[in-house]
Amino acid sequence: MRIAFYAPLKSPTHGTPSGDRRVAGLLMDALGRAGHQVELVSTFRSYDAAGDAARQAGLRDQGLSLGRRLAGQWRDGPAAARPDLWLTYHTYYKAPDWLGPEASRLLAIPYVIVEASHAGKRAGGPWDIGHRATAEAIGRAELLLCPTRDERPSGSSGCRRFSTRRRSSARPRGARNTARNSRGCMRSTPRCRGSRSWR
């Protein structure tokens, strides 16, 4: 499988070491070892530390434009080079994913998030733009992967059920229904499965 990989908080090639950078790199390595073709499609960082609405709006516009440009390049290029799936690692209100939902919608490919975080208390606050974008991205995702116990529904973040508007036509009928998978995450059905689907 050809996987378009993106980490909005910190790219695995970022110059400053961190746990997020390390996990993103390990995830790419693991998918590659499993036989998938994984491409880091962008190093665009959507992170806003200060709660600056103007900066967030600017990052949104840049991110959406980049997502559309990537989709256009893939559509205009050889079919063999197009990704089969978009995978985003770690999106939350300070670093929302502006690229993945847009690009995957235009390409009509599945959109997957690993380690999605949602904090309802951020609604209407300084990071409201990122908060709403993250909720929408989670609602669009074909699959939410929750690597740790803290990201399950009983924790403070991650895989929860969301009420969202109707999703794109690329999403299969019936996929808006959710069910709890064997790892405790809220997942969409019928397309989404547990971790075995990655092997």
Protein backbone atom coordinates (compact mmCIF):
# COMPACT_ATOMS: atom_id res chain seq x y z
CA MET A 1 0.00 0.00 0.00
CA ARG A 2 1.22 3.50 -0.82
CA ILE A 3 0.78 5.70 2.25
CA ALA A 4 0.98 9.48 2.33
CA PHE A 5 2.35 10.27 5.79
CA TYR A 6 2.07 13.63 7.55
CA ALA A 7 2.71 14.93 11.08
CA PRO A 8 1.28 18.43 11.62
CA LEU A 9 2.91 18.99 15.02
CA LYS A 10 6.45 17.99 14.12
CA SER A 11 7.82 16.23 11.08
CA PRO A 12 10.11 13.25 11.67
CA THR A 13 12.78 15.30 9.87
CA HIS A 14 12.41 18.33 12.17
CA GLY A 15 15.70 19.68 13.51
CA THR A 16 14.67 19.68 17.20
CA PRO A 17 14.53 16.25 18.87
CA SER A 18 11.33 15.38 20.71
CA GLY A 19 9.10 12.47 21.55
CA ASP A 20 6.66 13.41 18.80
CA ARG A 21 9.42 13.48 16.20
CA ARG A 22 10.71 10.13 17.43
CA VAL A 23 7.32 8.41 17.39
CA ALA A 24 6.50 9.78 13.93
CA GLY A 25 9.76 8.35 12.61
CA LEU A 26 9.20 5.01 14.29
CA LEU A 27 5.69 4.81 12.87
CA MET A 28 7.01 5.42 9.37
CA ASP A 29 9.69 2.77 9.92
CA ALA A 30 7.15 0.24 11.22
CA LEU A 31 4.85 0.74 8.23
CA GLY A 32 7.80 0.37 5.88
CA ARG A 33 8.91 -2.84 7.59
CA ALA A 34 5.35 -4.14 7.18
CA GLY A 35 5.78 -3.83 3.43
CA HIS A 36 4.08 -0.51 2.75
CA GLN A 37 5.50 2.32 0.66
CA VAL A 38 5.50 5.29 3.03
CA GLU A 39 6.19 8.83 1.81
CA LEU A 40 6.56 11.88 4.03
CA VAL A 41 4.47 14.21 1.89
CA SER A 42 5.00 17.49 3.74
CA THR A 43 7.00 19.08 6.55
CA PHE A 44 4.43 21.90 6.93
CA ARG A 45 4.00 22.66 10.64
CA SER A 46 0.57 23.90 11.73
CA TYR A 47 1.58 24.45 15.37
CA ASP A 48 0.49 27.65 17.14
CA ALA A 49 1.74 27.92 20.72
CA ALA A 50 0.27 31.30 21.62
CA GLY A 51 -3.40 31.04 20.74
CA ASP A 52 -3.06 33.67 18.01
CA ALA A 53 -6.23 33.53 15.89
CA ALA A 54 -4.67 35.49 13.01
CA ARG A 55 -1.72 33.11 12.86
CA GLN A 56 -4.05 30.11 12.98
CA ALA A 57 -6.11 31.53 10.12
CA GLY A 58 -2.94 32.04 8.09
CA LEU A 59 -1.77 28.48 8.79
CA ARG A 60 -5.23 27.22 7.80
CA ASP A 61 -5.09 29.00 4.46
CA GLN A 62 -1.55 27.75 3.78
CA GLY A 63 -2.42 24.21 4.80
CA LEU A 64 -5.58 23.98 2.72
CA SER A 65 -3.75 25.38 -0.30
CA LEU A 66 -0.95 22.87 0.14
CA GLY A 67 -3.39 19.97 0.51
CA ARG A 68 -5.11 20.96 -2.74
CA ARG A 69 -1.79 21.37 -4.50
CA LEU A 70 -0.60 17.93 -3.41
CA ALA A 71 -3.87 16.35 -4.57
CA GLY A 72 -3.60 18.12 -7.91
CA GLN A 73 -0.04 16.94 -8.44
CA TRP A 74 -1.03 13.35 -7.74
CA ARG A 75 -4.09 13.50 -9.97
CA ASP A 76 -2.05 14.97 -12.83
CA GLY A 77 0.78 12.50 -12.37
CA PRO A 78 1.03 8.75 -12.99
CA ALA A 79 -1.58 6.66 -11.23
CA ALA A 80 1.13 4.38 -9.86
CA ALA A 81 2.52 7.27 -7.80
CA ARG A 82 -0.75 8.23 -6.13
CA PRO A 83 -1.24 7.25 -2.49
CA ASP A 84 -3.79 4.63 -1.55
CA LEU A 85 -4.27 6.12 1.90
CA TRP A 86 -3.45 9.30 3.84
CA LEU A 87 -2.16 8.82 7.40
CA THR A 88 -1.75 11.70 9.84
CA TYR A 89 0.14 11.27 13.09
CA HIS A 90 -0.97 13.31 16.11
CA THR A 91 -3.40 16.13 15.44
CA TYR A 92 -4.85 18.35 18.16
CA TYR A 93 -6.11 21.90 18.72
CA LYS A 94 -2.65 23.54 18.66
CA ALA A 95 -1.56 21.59 15.58
CA PRO A 96 -4.59 20.66 13.46
CA ASP A 97 -4.35 18.77 10.20
CA TRP A 98 -5.27 21.12 7.36
CA LEU A 99 -3.71 18.97 4.61
CA GLY A 100 -5.01 15.45 5.07
CA PRO A 101 -8.78 15.91 5.07
CA GLU A 102 -8.62 18.12 1.99
CA ALA A 103 -6.18 16.03 -0.02
CA SER A 104 -7.87 12.72 0.83
CA ARG A 105 -11.27 14.15 -0.08
CA LEU A 106 -10.05 15.33 -3.47
CA LEU A 107 -8.31 12.03 -4.16
CA ALA A 108 -11.19 9.93 -2.77
CA ILE A 109 -8.82 7.88 -0.61
CA PRO A 110 -9.20 6.82 3.05
CA TYR A 111 -8.06 9.25 5.73
CA VAL A 112 -6.57 7.79 8.91
CA ILE A 113 -5.39 9.48 12.12
CA VAL A 114 -2.99 7.97 14.64
CA GLU A 115 -3.20 9.62 18.07
CA ALA A 116 -5.99 12.13 17.58
CA SER A 117 -6.65 14.41 20.54
CA HIS A 118 -9.83 16.39 21.19
CA ALA A 119 -10.44 18.73 24.15
CA GLY A 120 -13.99 20.03 24.32
CA LYS A 121 -13.01 22.78 26.76
CA ARG A 122 -11.06 24.51 23.95
CA ALA A 123 -14.26 25.36 22.06
CA GLY A 124 -14.62 29.13 21.76
CA GLY A 125 -11.19 29.76 23.24
CA PRO A 126 -7.96 31.15 21.78
CA TRP A 127 -7.41 27.96 19.74
CA ASP A 128 -11.01 27.62 18.55
CA ILE A 129 -9.95 27.47 14.88
CA GLY A 130 -7.67 24.51 15.54
CA HIS A 131 -10.19 22.92 17.88
CA ARG A 132 -12.94 22.95 15.24
CA ALA A 133 -10.57 21.74 12.53
CA THR A 134 -9.46 18.81 14.68
CA ALA A 135 -13.04 17.81 15.48
CA GLU A 136 -13.90 17.91 11.77
CA ALA A 137 -10.83 15.87 10.84
CA ILE A 138 -11.67 13.24 13.46
CA GLY A 139 -15.22 13.11 12.13
CA ARG A 140 -13.97 12.54 8.60
CA ALA A 141 -11.45 9.85 9.46
CA GLU A 142 -12.06 6.32 8.20
CA LEU A 143 -10.07 5.01 11.15
CA LEU A 144 -8.71 6.39 14.44
CA LEU A 145 -5.78 4.47 15.89
CA CYS A 146 -5.21 4.89 19.63
CA PRO A 147 -1.73 3.67 20.58
CA THR A 148 -2.06 4.30 24.32
CA ARG A 149 -4.62 3.72 27.03
CA ASP A 150 -4.96 7.48 27.61
CA GLU A 151 -6.39 7.96 24.12
CA ARG A 152 -9.32 5.64 24.67
CA PRO A 153 -12.78 7.10 25.32
CA SER A 154 -12.33 7.10 29.10
CA GLY A 155 -9.14 9.19 28.85
CA SER A 156 -8.66 12.92 28.41
CA SER A 157 -8.14 12.79 24.65
CA GLY A 158 -8.44 10.80 21.50
CA CYS A 159 -10.93 8.36 20.13
CA ARG A 160 -14.38 9.58 20.98
CA ARG A 161 -17.68 9.74 19.16
CA PHE A 162 -18.35 12.98 17.34
CA SER A 163 -21.49 14.45 15.83
CA THR A 164 -20.47 15.96 12.50
CA ARG A 165 -22.12 17.08 9.31
CA ARG A 166 -22.46 14.63 6.43
CA ARG A 167 -19.07 13.48 5.26
CA SER A 168 -17.66 13.51 1.75
CA SER A 169 -19.04 11.25 -0.96
CA ALA A 170 -15.75 9.35 -0.94
CA ARG A 171 -16.82 7.84 2.37
CA PRO A 172 -18.74 4.57 1.96
CA ARG A 173 -22.40 4.45 2.87
CA GLY A 174 -23.00 3.37 6.42
CA ALA A 175 -19.57 4.52 7.57
CA ARG A 176 -21.01 7.25 9.77
CA ASN A 177 -22.15 4.62 12.25
CA THR A 178 -19.62 3.98 14.98
CA ALA A 179 -18.78 1.01 17.13
CA ARG A 180 -16.16 0.23 19.71
CA ASN A 181 -13.31 -1.92 18.43
CA SER A 182 -11.31 -4.48 20.35
CA ARG A 183 -8.78 -1.86 21.45
CA GLY A 184 -11.43 0.35 23.04
CA CYS A 185 -11.44 3.05 20.36
CA MET A 186 -14.49 4.44 18.70
CA ARG A 187 -14.23 3.45 15.06
CA SER A 188 -16.33 3.83 11.95
CA THR A 189 -18.01 0.85 10.34
CA PRO A 190 -18.01 -1.13 8.15
CA ARG A 191 -14.63 -0.19 6.66
CA CYS A 192 -12.56 0.34 9.79
CA ARG A 193 -10.81 -2.49 11.54
CA GLY A 194 -8.36 -3.09 14.34
CA SER A 195 -4.60 -3.06 14.12
CA ARG A 196 -4.49 -6.34 12.16
CA SER A 197 -5.50 -4.46 9.00
CA TRP A 198 -2.04 -2.91 8.86
CA ARG A 199 -0.22 -6.22 8.54
